[in-house]
PDB file of N, CA and C in Angstrom:
ATOM      1  N   MET A   1      28.929  -8.745  19.757  1.00  0.00           N
ATOM      2  CA  MET A   1      26.906  -7.880  20.509  1.00  0.00           C
ATOM      3  C   MET A   1      27.046  -7.480  19.026  1.00  0.00           C
ATOM      4  N   ILE A   2      27.782  -6.661  18.452  1.00  0.00           N
ATOM      5  CA  ILE A   2      26.754  -6.050  17.160  1.00  0.00           C
ATOM      6  C   ILE A   2      26.599  -6.487  15.901  1.00  0.00           C
ATOM      7  N   GLU A   3      26.537  -8.137  15.765  1.00  0.00           N
ATOM      8  CA  GLU A   3      26.087  -9.282  14.924  1.00  0.00           C
ATOM      9  C   GLU A   3      24.541  -9.818  14.972  1.00  0.00           C
ATOM     10  N   ASP A   4      24.594  -9.748  16.873  1.00  0.00           N
ATOM     11  CA  ASP A   4      22.998  -9.524  17.259  1.00  0.00           C
ATOM     12  C   ASP A   4      22.497  -8.593  17.377  1.00  0.00           C
ATOM     13  N   SER A   5      22.850  -7.446  17.331  1.00  0.00           N
ATOM     14  CA  SER A   5      22.306  -6.017  17.149  1.00  0.00           C
ATOM     15  C   SER A   5      21.356  -6.285  16.046  1.00  0.00           C
ATOM     16  N   ASN A   6      22.639  -5.875  14.736  1.00  0.00           N
ATOM     17  CA  ASN A   6      22.035  -6.385  13.241  1.00  0.00           C
ATOM     18  C   ASN A   6      21.193  -6.879  12.988  1.00  0.00           C
ATOM     19  N   ARG A   7      21.331  -8.207  13.355  1.00  0.00           N
ATOM     20  CA  ARG A   7      20.483  -9.518  12.834  1.00  0.00           C
ATOM     21  C   ARG A   7      18.746  -9.371  13.690  1.00  0.00           C
ATOM     22  N   ALA A   8      19.339  -8.402  14.984  1.00  0.00           N
ATOM     23  CA  ALA A   8      17.880  -7.881  15.487  1.00  0.00           C
ATOM     24  C   ALA A   8      16.793  -6.964  15.100  1.00  0.00           C
ATOM     25  N   GLU A   9      17.775  -6.451  13.735  1.00  0.00           N
ATOM     26  CA  GLU A   9      16.806  -4.597  13.233  1.00  0.00           C
ATOM     27  C   GLU A   9      16.616  -5.765  12.107  1.00  0.00           C
ATOM     28  N   ALA A  10      17.191  -6.571  11.346  1.00  0.00           N
ATOM     29  CA  ALA A  10      17.109  -7.543  10.321  1.00  0.00           C
ATOM     30  C   ALA A  10      15.856  -8.031  10.421  1.00  0.00           C
ATOM     31  N   ASP A  11      15.808  -8.593  11.444  1.00  0.00           N
ATOM     32  CA  ASP A  11      14.385  -9.434  11.784  1.00  0.00           C
ATOM     33  C   ASP A  11      13.359  -8.508  11.860  1.00  0.00           C
ATOM     34  N   ARG A  12      13.263  -7.417  12.716  1.00  0.00           N
ATOM     35  CA  ARG A  12      12.429  -6.692  12.477  1.00  0.00           C
ATOM     36  C   ARG A  12      11.497  -5.826  11.249  1.00  0.00           C
ATOM     37  N   ALA A  13      12.954  -5.187  10.771  1.00  0.00           N
ATOM     38  CA  ALA A  13      12.998  -4.790   9.371  1.00  0.00           C
ATOM     39  C   ALA A  13      11.919  -5.983   8.624  1.00  0.00           C
ATOM     40  N   ARG A  14      12.090  -6.874   8.084  1.00  0.00           N
ATOM     41  CA  ARG A  14      11.416  -8.882   7.653  1.00  0.00           C
ATOM     42  C   ARG A  14      10.278  -8.664   8.552  1.00  0.00           C
ATOM     43  N   ALA A  15       9.600  -8.512   9.279  1.00  0.00           N
ATOM     44  CA  ALA A  15       8.835  -8.659  10.126  1.00  0.00           C
ATOM     45  C   ALA A  15       7.422  -7.009   9.413  1.00  0.00           C
ATOM     46  N   GLU A  16       7.852  -6.137   9.222  1.00  0.00           N
ATOM     47  CA  GLU A  16       6.985  -5.233   9.284  1.00  0.00           C
ATOM     48  C   GLU A  16       7.153  -4.953   7.708  1.00  0.00           C
ATOM     49  N   ALA A  17       8.335  -5.365   7.168  1.00  0.00           N
ATOM     50  CA  ALA A  17       7.792  -6.153   5.142  1.00  0.00           C
ATOM     51  C   ALA A  17       6.671  -6.805   5.139  1.00  0.00           C
ATOM     52  N   ASP A  18       6.866  -7.662   6.066  1.00  0.00           N
ATOM     53  CA  ASP A  18       5.576  -8.881   6.128  1.00  0.00           C
ATOM     54  C   ASP A  18       4.381  -8.220   6.078  1.00  0.00           C
ATOM     55  N   ARG A  19       4.349  -7.781   6.876  1.00  0.00           N
ATOM     56  CA  ARG A  19       3.296  -6.899   7.440  1.00  0.00           C
ATOM     57  C   ARG A  19       2.532  -6.304   6.740  1.00  0.00           C
ATOM     58  N   ALA A  20       3.144  -5.139   6.399  1.00  0.00           N
ATOM     59  CA  ALA A  20       2.762  -4.410   5.057  1.00  0.00           C
ATOM     60  C   ALA A  20       2.357  -5.062   3.892  1.00  0.00           C
ATOM     61  N   PHE A  21       3.545  -6.135   3.394  1.00  0.00           N
ATOM     62  CA  PHE A  21       2.861  -6.777   2.087  1.00  0.00           C
ATOM     63  C   PHE A  21       1.774  -7.588   2.246  1.00  0.00           C
ATOM     64  N   SER A  22       1.013  -8.271   3.189  1.00  0.00           N
ATOM     65  CA  SER A  22       0.188  -9.018   3.544  1.00  0.00           C
ATOM     66  C   SER A  22      -0.989  -8.152   4.143  1.00  0.00           C
ATOM     67  N   LYS A  23      -0.495  -6.693   5.019  1.00  0.00           N
ATOM     68  CA  LYS A  23      -1.696  -6.397   4.442  1.00  0.00           C
ATOM     69  C   LYS A  23      -2.159  -5.294   3.466  1.00  0.00           C
ATOM     70  N   ALA A  24      -1.319  -5.074   2.303  1.00  0.00           N
ATOM     71  CA  ALA A  24      -1.747  -4.522   0.668  1.00  0.00           C
ATOM     72  C   ALA A  24      -2.516  -6.199   0.223  1.00  0.00           C
ATOM     73  N   LEU A  25      -1.864  -6.790   0.331  1.00  0.00           N
ATOM     74  CA  LEU A  25      -2.921  -8.270  -0.288  1.00  0.00           C
ATOM     75  C   LEU A  25      -4.075  -8.167  -0.161  1.00  0.00           C
ATOM     76  N   ALA A  26      -4.233  -8.469   1.206  1.00  0.00           N
ATOM     77  CA  ALA A  26      -5.962  -8.498   2.326  1.00  0.00           C
ATOM     78  C   ALA A  26      -6.689  -7.295   1.951  1.00  0.00           C
ATOM     79  N   SER A  27      -5.997  -6.207   1.307  1.00  0.00           N
ATOM     80  CA  SER A  27      -7.038  -5.146   1.303  1.00  0.00           C
ATOM     81  C   SER A  27      -7.053  -4.603  -0.226  1.00  0.00           C
ATOM     82  N   GLY A  28      -6.243  -5.510  -0.971  1.00  0.00           N
ATOM     83  CA  GLY A  28      -6.038  -5.218  -2.861  1.00  0.00           C
ATOM     84  C   GLY A  28      -5.828  -4.440  -3.180  1.00  0.00           C
ATOM     85  N   ARG A  29      -5.120  -3.705  -2.599  1.00  0.00           N
ATOM     86  CA  ARG A  29      -3.579  -2.146  -2.897  1.00  0.00           C
ATOM     87  C   ARG A  29      -2.363  -3.684  -3.870  1.00  0.00           C
ATOM     88  N   LEU A  30      -2.207  -4.458  -3.423  1.00  0.00           N
ATOM     89  CA  LEU A  30      -1.472  -5.125  -4.463  1.00  0.00           C
ATOM     90  C   LEU A  30      -1.947  -7.052  -4.589  1.00  0.00           C
ATOM     91  N   SER A  31      -1.578  -7.397  -5.581  1.00  0.00           N
ATOM     92  CA  SER A  31      -2.327  -8.734  -6.283  1.00  0.00           C
ATOM     93  C   SER A  31      -1.316  -9.374  -6.644  1.00  0.00           C
ATOM     94  N   ARG A  32      -1.938 -10.792  -6.508  1.00  0.00           N
ATOM     95  CA  ARG A  32      -0.592 -11.823  -5.982  1.00  0.00           C
ATOM     96  C   ARG A  32      -0.759 -12.606  -8.259  1.00  0.00           C
ATOM     97  N   ASN A  33      -1.971 -11.613  -8.994  1.00  0.00           N
ATOM     98  CA  ASN A  33      -1.859 -11.994 -10.438  1.00  0.00           C
ATOM     99  C   ASN A  33      -0.760 -11.351 -10.805  1.00  0.00           C
ATOM    100  N   ARG A  34      -0.109 -11.769 -11.967  1.00  0.00           N
ATOM    101  CA  ARG A  34       1.307 -11.852 -12.210  1.00  0.00           C
ATOM    102  C   ARG A  34       0.698 -10.476 -13.952  1.00  0.00           C
ATOM    103  N   THR A  35      -0.229 -10.987 -14.101  1.00  0.00           N
ATOM    104  CA  THR A  35      -0.568  -9.306 -14.739  1.00  0.00           C
ATOM    105  C   THR A  35      -1.010  -8.215 -14.569  1.00  0.00           C
ATOM    106  N   ASP A  36      -1.899  -8.303 -13.350  1.00  0.00           N
ATOM    107  CA  ASP A  36      -2.154  -7.144 -13.267  1.00  0.00           C
ATOM    108  C   ASP A  36      -0.603  -5.720 -12.829  1.00  0.00           C
ATOM    109  N   ASP A  37      -1.438  -5.356 -13.218  1.00  0.00           N
ATOM    110  CA  ASP A  37      -0.337  -3.920 -12.862  1.00  0.00           C
ATOM    111  C   ASP A  37       0.193  -3.403 -11.564  1.00  0.00           C
ATOM    112  N   ASN A  38      -0.250  -4.462 -10.354  1.00  0.00           N
ATOM    113  CA  ASN A  38      -0.168  -3.685  -9.030  1.00  0.00           C
ATOM    114  C   ASN A  38       0.504  -5.389  -8.579  1.00  0.00           C
ATOM    115  N   TYR A  39       1.147  -6.102  -9.258  1.00  0.00           N
ATOM    116  CA  TYR A  39       1.558  -7.163  -9.196  1.00  0.00           C
ATOM    117  C   TYR A  39       2.249  -8.008  -7.678  1.00  0.00           C
ATOM    118  N   ILE A  40       2.967  -7.446  -6.886  1.00  0.00           N
ATOM    119  CA  ILE A  40       3.396  -7.697  -5.382  1.00  0.00           C
ATOM    120  C   ILE A  40       4.600  -8.536  -5.998  1.00  0.00           C
ATOM    121  N   GLY A  41       5.258  -9.064  -7.058  1.00  0.00           N
ATOM    122  CA  GLY A  41       6.118  -9.289  -6.927  1.00  0.00           C
ATOM    123  C   GLY A  41       6.893  -8.345  -8.265  1.00  0.00           C
ATOM    124  N   ASN A  42       6.194  -7.102  -8.253  1.00  0.00           N
ATOM    125  CA  ASN A  42       6.972  -6.447  -8.706  1.00  0.00           C
ATOM    126  C   ASN A  42       7.500  -5.148  -7.989  1.00  0.00           C
ATOM    127  N   TYR A  43       7.187  -5.094  -6.772  1.00  0.00           N
ATOM    128  CA  TYR A  43       7.266  -3.772  -6.083  1.00  0.00           C
ATOM    129  C   TYR A  43       7.676  -3.904  -4.643  1.00  0.00           C
ATOM    130  N   MET A  44       8.753  -2.971  -4.380  1.00  0.00           N
ATOM    131  CA  MET A  44       9.655  -3.276  -2.803  1.00  0.00           C
ATOM    132  C   MET A  44       9.136  -2.360  -1.551  1.00  0.00           C
ATOM    133  N   TYR A  45       8.703  -2.870  -0.715  1.00  0.00           N
ATOM    134  CA  TYR A  45       8.460  -2.244   0.476  1.00  0.00           C
ATOM    135  C   TYR A  45       9.826  -1.267   0.682  1.00  0.00           C
ATOM    136  N   MET A  46       9.584   0.159   0.849  1.00  0.00           N
ATOM    137  CA  MET A  46       9.866   1.046   1.457  1.00  0.00           C
ATOM    138  C   MET A  46       9.846   1.530   2.793  1.00  0.00           C
ATOM    139  N   TYR A  47       9.167   1.745   3.629  1.00  0.00           N
ATOM    140  CA  TYR A  47       9.192   2.321   4.809  1.00  0.00           C
ATOM    141  C   TYR A  47       7.026   2.630   5.269  1.00  0.00           C
ATOM    142  N   VAL A  48       7.253   3.467   6.461  1.00  0.00           N
ATOM    143  CA  VAL A  48       5.386   3.522   6.821  1.00  0.00           C
ATOM    144  C   VAL A  48       5.879   5.130   6.517  1.00  0.00           C
ATOM    145  N   GLY A  49       4.609   5.998   5.489  1.00  0.00           N
ATOM    146  CA  GLY A  49       4.836   7.378   5.735  1.00  0.00           C
ATOM    147  C   GLY A  49       4.532   8.113   6.866  1.00  0.00           C
ATOM    148  N   ASP A  50       4.804   8.883   6.668  1.00  0.00           N
ATOM    149  CA  ASP A  50       4.369  10.175   7.558  1.00  0.00           C
ATOM    150  C   ASP A  50       2.408  10.265   8.178  1.00  0.00           C
ATOM    151  N   ASN A  51       1.431   9.640   7.267  1.00  0.00           N
ATOM    152  CA  ASN A  51       0.464   9.621   6.787  1.00  0.00           C
ATOM    153  C   ASN A  51       0.493   8.100   7.639  1.00  0.00           C
ATOM    154  N   GLY A  52       0.928   7.686   8.193  1.00  0.00           N
ATOM    155  CA  GLY A  52       0.559   5.662   8.582  1.00  0.00           C
ATOM    156  C   GLY A  52       0.751   4.670   6.909  1.00  0.00           C
ATOM    157  N   VAL A  53       0.628   5.001   5.931  1.00  0.00           N
ATOM    158  CA  VAL A  53       0.215   4.485   5.075  1.00  0.00           C
ATOM    159  C   VAL A  53       1.728   3.701   4.386  1.00  0.00           C
ATOM    160  N   ASP A  54       1.275   2.778   3.998  1.00  0.00           N
ATOM    161  CA  ASP A  54       2.694   1.927   3.878  1.00  0.00           C
ATOM    162  C   ASP A  54       3.274   2.289   2.544  1.00  0.00           C
ATOM    163  N   GLU A  55       4.182   2.041   2.043  1.00  0.00           N
ATOM    164  CA  GLU A  55       4.654   2.739   0.745  1.00  0.00           C
ATOM    165  C   GLU A  55       5.637   1.658  -0.448  1.00  0.00           C
ATOM    166  N   PHE A  56       5.437   1.129  -1.353  1.00  0.00           N
ATOM    167  CA  PHE A  56       5.595   0.852  -1.568  1.00  0.00           C
ATOM    168  C   PHE A  56       6.408   1.336  -3.294  1.00  0.00           C
ATOM    169  N   LYS A  57       7.774   0.711  -3.637  1.00  0.00           N
ATOM    170  CA  LYS A  57       8.252   1.321  -5.090  1.00  0.00           C
ATOM    171  C   LYS A  57       8.491   0.807  -5.987  1.00  0.00           C
ATOM    172  N   HIS A  58       7.966   0.662  -7.534  1.00  0.00           N
ATOM    173  CA  HIS A  58       8.089  -0.310  -8.327  1.00  0.00           C
ATOM    174  C   HIS A  58       9.229  -0.435  -8.724  1.00  0.00           C
ATOM    175  N   ILE A  59       9.999  -1.598  -8.956  1.00  0.00           N
ATOM    176  CA  ILE A  59      11.425  -2.045  -8.835  1.00  0.00           C
ATOM    177  C   ILE A  59      11.733  -1.970 -10.107  1.00  0.00           C
ATOM    178  N   ASP A  60      10.615  -1.988 -11.731  1.00  0.00           N
ATOM    179  CA  ASP A  60      11.282  -1.299 -12.581  1.00  0.00           C
ATOM    180  C   ASP A  60      10.948   0.218 -13.126  1.00  0.00           C
ATOM    181  N   THR A  61      10.084   0.556 -12.878  1.00  0.00           N
ATOM    182  CA  THR A  61      10.311   2.022 -12.931  1.00  0.00           C
ATOM    183  C   THR A  61      10.219   3.375 -11.836  1.00  0.00           C
ATOM    184  N   ARG A  62      11.181   2.337 -10.554  1.00  0.00           N
ATOM    185  CA  ARG A  62      10.705   3.380  -9.384  1.00  0.00           C
ATOM    186  C   ARG A  62       9.622   4.309  -8.678  1.00  0.00           C
ATOM    187  N   LYS A  63       8.964   4.551  -9.467  1.00  0.00           N
ATOM    188  CA  LYS A  63       7.479   5.303  -9.249  1.00  0.00           C
ATOM    189  C   LYS A  63       6.833   4.179  -7.952  1.00  0.00           C
ATOM    190  N   TYR A  64       6.042   5.014  -6.915  1.00  0.00           N
ATOM    191  CA  TYR A  64       5.050   4.053  -5.700  1.00  0.00           C
ATOM    192  C   TYR A  64       3.903   3.903  -5.813  1.00  0.00           C
ATOM    193  N   LEU A  65       3.784   3.084  -5.210  1.00  0.00           N
ATOM    194  CA  LEU A  65       2.067   2.620  -5.644  1.00  0.00           C
ATOM    195  C   LEU A  65       1.541   4.077  -5.250  1.00  0.00           C
ATOM    196  N   PRO A  66       0.713   4.305  -6.194  1.00  0.00           N
ATOM    197  CA  PRO A  66      -0.191   5.164  -5.518  1.00  0.00           C
ATOM    198  C   PRO A  66      -0.801   5.347  -4.238  1.00  0.00           C
ATOM    199  N   GLU A  67      -1.673   5.818  -3.314  1.00  0.00           N
ATOM    200  CA  GLU A  67      -1.727   5.463  -1.956  1.00  0.00           C
ATOM    201  C   GLU A  67      -2.896   5.320  -2.492  1.00  0.00           C
ATOM    202  N   PRO A  68      -3.640   3.619  -0.984  1.00  0.00           N
ATOM    203  CA  PRO A  68      -5.629   3.730  -1.585  1.00  0.00           C
ATOM    204  C   PRO A  68      -6.439   4.769  -1.245  1.00  0.00           C
ATOM    205  N   VAL A  69      -7.169   4.862  -2.070  1.00  0.00           N
ATOM    206  CA  VAL A  69      -8.230   6.182  -1.378  1.00  0.00           C
ATOM    207  C   VAL A  69      -9.438   6.000  -0.244  1.00  0.00           C
ATOM    208  N   PRO A  70      -9.673   6.956   0.432  1.00  0.00           N
ATOM    209  CA  PRO A  70     -10.507   6.595   1.535  1.00  0.00           C
ATOM    210  C   PRO A  70     -11.815   6.007   1.359  1.00  0.00           C
ATOM    211  N   SER A  71     -12.994   5.040   1.260  1.00  0.00           N
ATOM    212  CA  SER A  71     -13.411   4.097   1.230  1.00  0.00           C
ATOM    213  C   SER A  71     -14.566   5.610   1.509  1.00  0.00           C
ATOM    214  N   ASN A  72     -14.212   6.312   1.578  1.00  0.00           N
ATOM    215  CA  ASN A  72     -16.100   7.730   2.096  1.00  0.00           C
ATOM    216  C   ASN A  72     -15.786   8.605   0.917  1.00  0.00           C
ATOM    217  N   LEU A  73     -15.020   8.458  -0.172  1.00  0.00           N
ATOM    218  CA  LEU A  73     -14.829   8.869  -1.388  1.00  0.00           C
ATOM    219  C   LEU A  73     -14.537   8.535  -2.626  1.00  0.00           C
ATOM    220  N   LEU A  74     -14.531   6.930  -2.788  1.00  0.00           N
ATOM    221  CA  LEU A  74     -15.188   6.237  -3.823  1.00  0.00           C
ATOM    222  C   LEU A  74     -16.610   6.670  -3.998  1.00  0.00           C
ATOM    223  N   CYS A  75     -16.447   6.909  -5.306  1.00  0.00           N
ATOM    224  CA  CYS A  75     -17.975   6.877  -5.936  1.00  0.00           C
ATOM    225  C   CYS A  75     -18.168   5.027  -5.962  1.00  0.00           C
ATOM    226  N   THR A  76     -19.859   4.841  -5.696  1.00  0.00           N
ATOM    227  CA  THR A  76     -20.454   3.389  -5.587  1.00  0.00           C
ATOM    228  C   THR A  76     -21.546   3.245  -6.122  1.00  0.00           C
ATOM    229  N   GLN A  77     -21.818   4.290  -7.575  1.00  0.00           N
ATOM    230  CA  GLN A  77     -22.971   4.502  -7.633  1.00  0.00           C
ATOM    231  C   GLN A  77     -22.290   4.803  -9.385  1.00  0.00           C
ATOM    232  N   ARG A  78     -23.050   4.867 -10.114  1.00  0.00           N
ATOM    233  CA  ARG A  78     -22.412   5.333 -11.744  1.00  0.00           C
ATOM    234  C   ARG A  78     -22.957   6.567 -12.074  1.00  0.00           C
ATOM    235  N   TRP A  79     -22.054   6.957 -13.506  1.00  0.00           N
ATOM    236  CA  TRP A  79     -22.242   8.334 -13.312  1.00  0.00           C
ATOM    237  C   TRP A  79     -24.121   8.742 -13.651  1.00  0.00           C
ATOM    238  N   PRO A  80     -25.228   9.766 -13.392  1.00  0.00           N
ATOM    239  CA  PRO A  80     -24.326  10.894 -12.443  1.00  0.00           C
ATOM    240  C   PRO A  80     -25.002  10.967 -10.872  1.00  0.00           C
ATOM    241  N   HIS A  81     -24.755   9.648 -10.668  1.00  0.00           N
ATOM    242  CA  HIS A  81     -25.200   9.293  -8.832  1.00  0.00           C
ATOM    243  C   HIS A  81     -23.912   9.008  -8.397  1.00  0.00           C
ATOM    244  N   TYR A  82     -23.523  10.305  -7.422  1.00  0.00           N
ATOM    245  CA  TYR A  82     -22.577  10.327  -6.265  1.00  0.00           C
ATOM    246  C   TYR A  82     -22.639  10.004  -5.181  1.00  0.00           C
ATOM    247  N   THR A  83     -22.484   9.100  -3.979  1.00  0.00           N
ATOM    248  CA  THR A  83     -21.850   9.200  -3.057  1.00  0.00           C
ATOM    249  C   THR A  83     -22.524  10.833  -2.035  1.00  0.00           C
ATOM    250  N   MET A  84     -23.383  10.530  -1.301  1.00  0.00           N
ATOM    251  CA  MET A  84     -23.176  11.634  -0.441  1.00  0.00           C
ATOM    252  C   MET A  84     -21.787  12.572   0.417  1.00  0.00           C
ATOM    253  N   ASN A  85     -20.964  11.571   0.421  1.00  0.00           N
ATOM    254  CA  ASN A  85     -19.943  11.582   1.408  1.00  0.00           C
ATOM    255  C   ASN A  85     -19.168  12.101   0.246  1.00  0.00           C
ATOM    256  N   TRP A  86     -18.854  12.100  -0.778  1.00  0.00           N
ATOM    257  CA  TRP A  86     -18.227  13.098  -2.236  1.00  0.00           C
ATOM    258  C   TRP A  86     -18.723  14.469  -1.791  1.00  0.00           C
ATOM    259  N   TYR A  87     -20.086  14.448  -1.663  1.00  0.00           N
ATOM    260  CA  TYR A  87     -20.440  15.764  -2.254  1.00  0.00           C
ATOM    261  C   TYR A  87     -20.138  16.752  -0.530  1.00  0.00           C
ATOM    262  N   THR A  88     -20.424  16.487   0.441  1.00  0.00           N
ATOM    263  CA  THR A  88     -19.992  17.056   1.706  1.00  0.00           C
ATOM    264  C   THR A  88     -18.468  16.689   1.717  1.00  0.00           C
ATOM    265  N   LEU A  89     -17.629  16.088   1.159  1.00  0.00           N
ATOM    266  CA  LEU A  89     -15.978  16.896   1.644  1.00  0.00           C
ATOM    267  C   LEU A  89     -15.738  17.840   0.739  1.00  0.00           C
ATOM    268  N   ASN A  90     -16.723  17.560  -0.722  1.00  0.00           N
ATOM    269  CA  ASN A  90     -16.000  19.237  -2.152  1.00  0.00           C
ATOM    270  C   ASN A  90     -16.557  19.537  -2.152  1.00  0.00           C
ATOM    271  N   LYS A  91     -17.416  20.343  -0.801  1.00  0.00           N
ATOM    272  CA  LYS A  91     -18.076  21.920  -1.225  1.00  0.00           C
ATOM    273  C   LYS A  91     -17.069  22.875  -1.508  1.00  0.00           C
TER     274      LYS A  91
END
């Protein structure tokens, strides 16, 4: 029985990690390109943070991958133009 529960927990953890990596690849947070700083092979999945963001840690530096910037905070135009959302949120 203990082996079955351990196997079930391991299967659940693998499924959660697979989901997190797939989501990070789809959003561009991680990359399949080996020359990119955010290459998927350099990161290990840790957990889902309190804010609901999947946390990944670099296998060599042990630094966490930065959280994605919400789209409403991204600058979509070149200087000196900013999105209205940036001004609205930073007044």
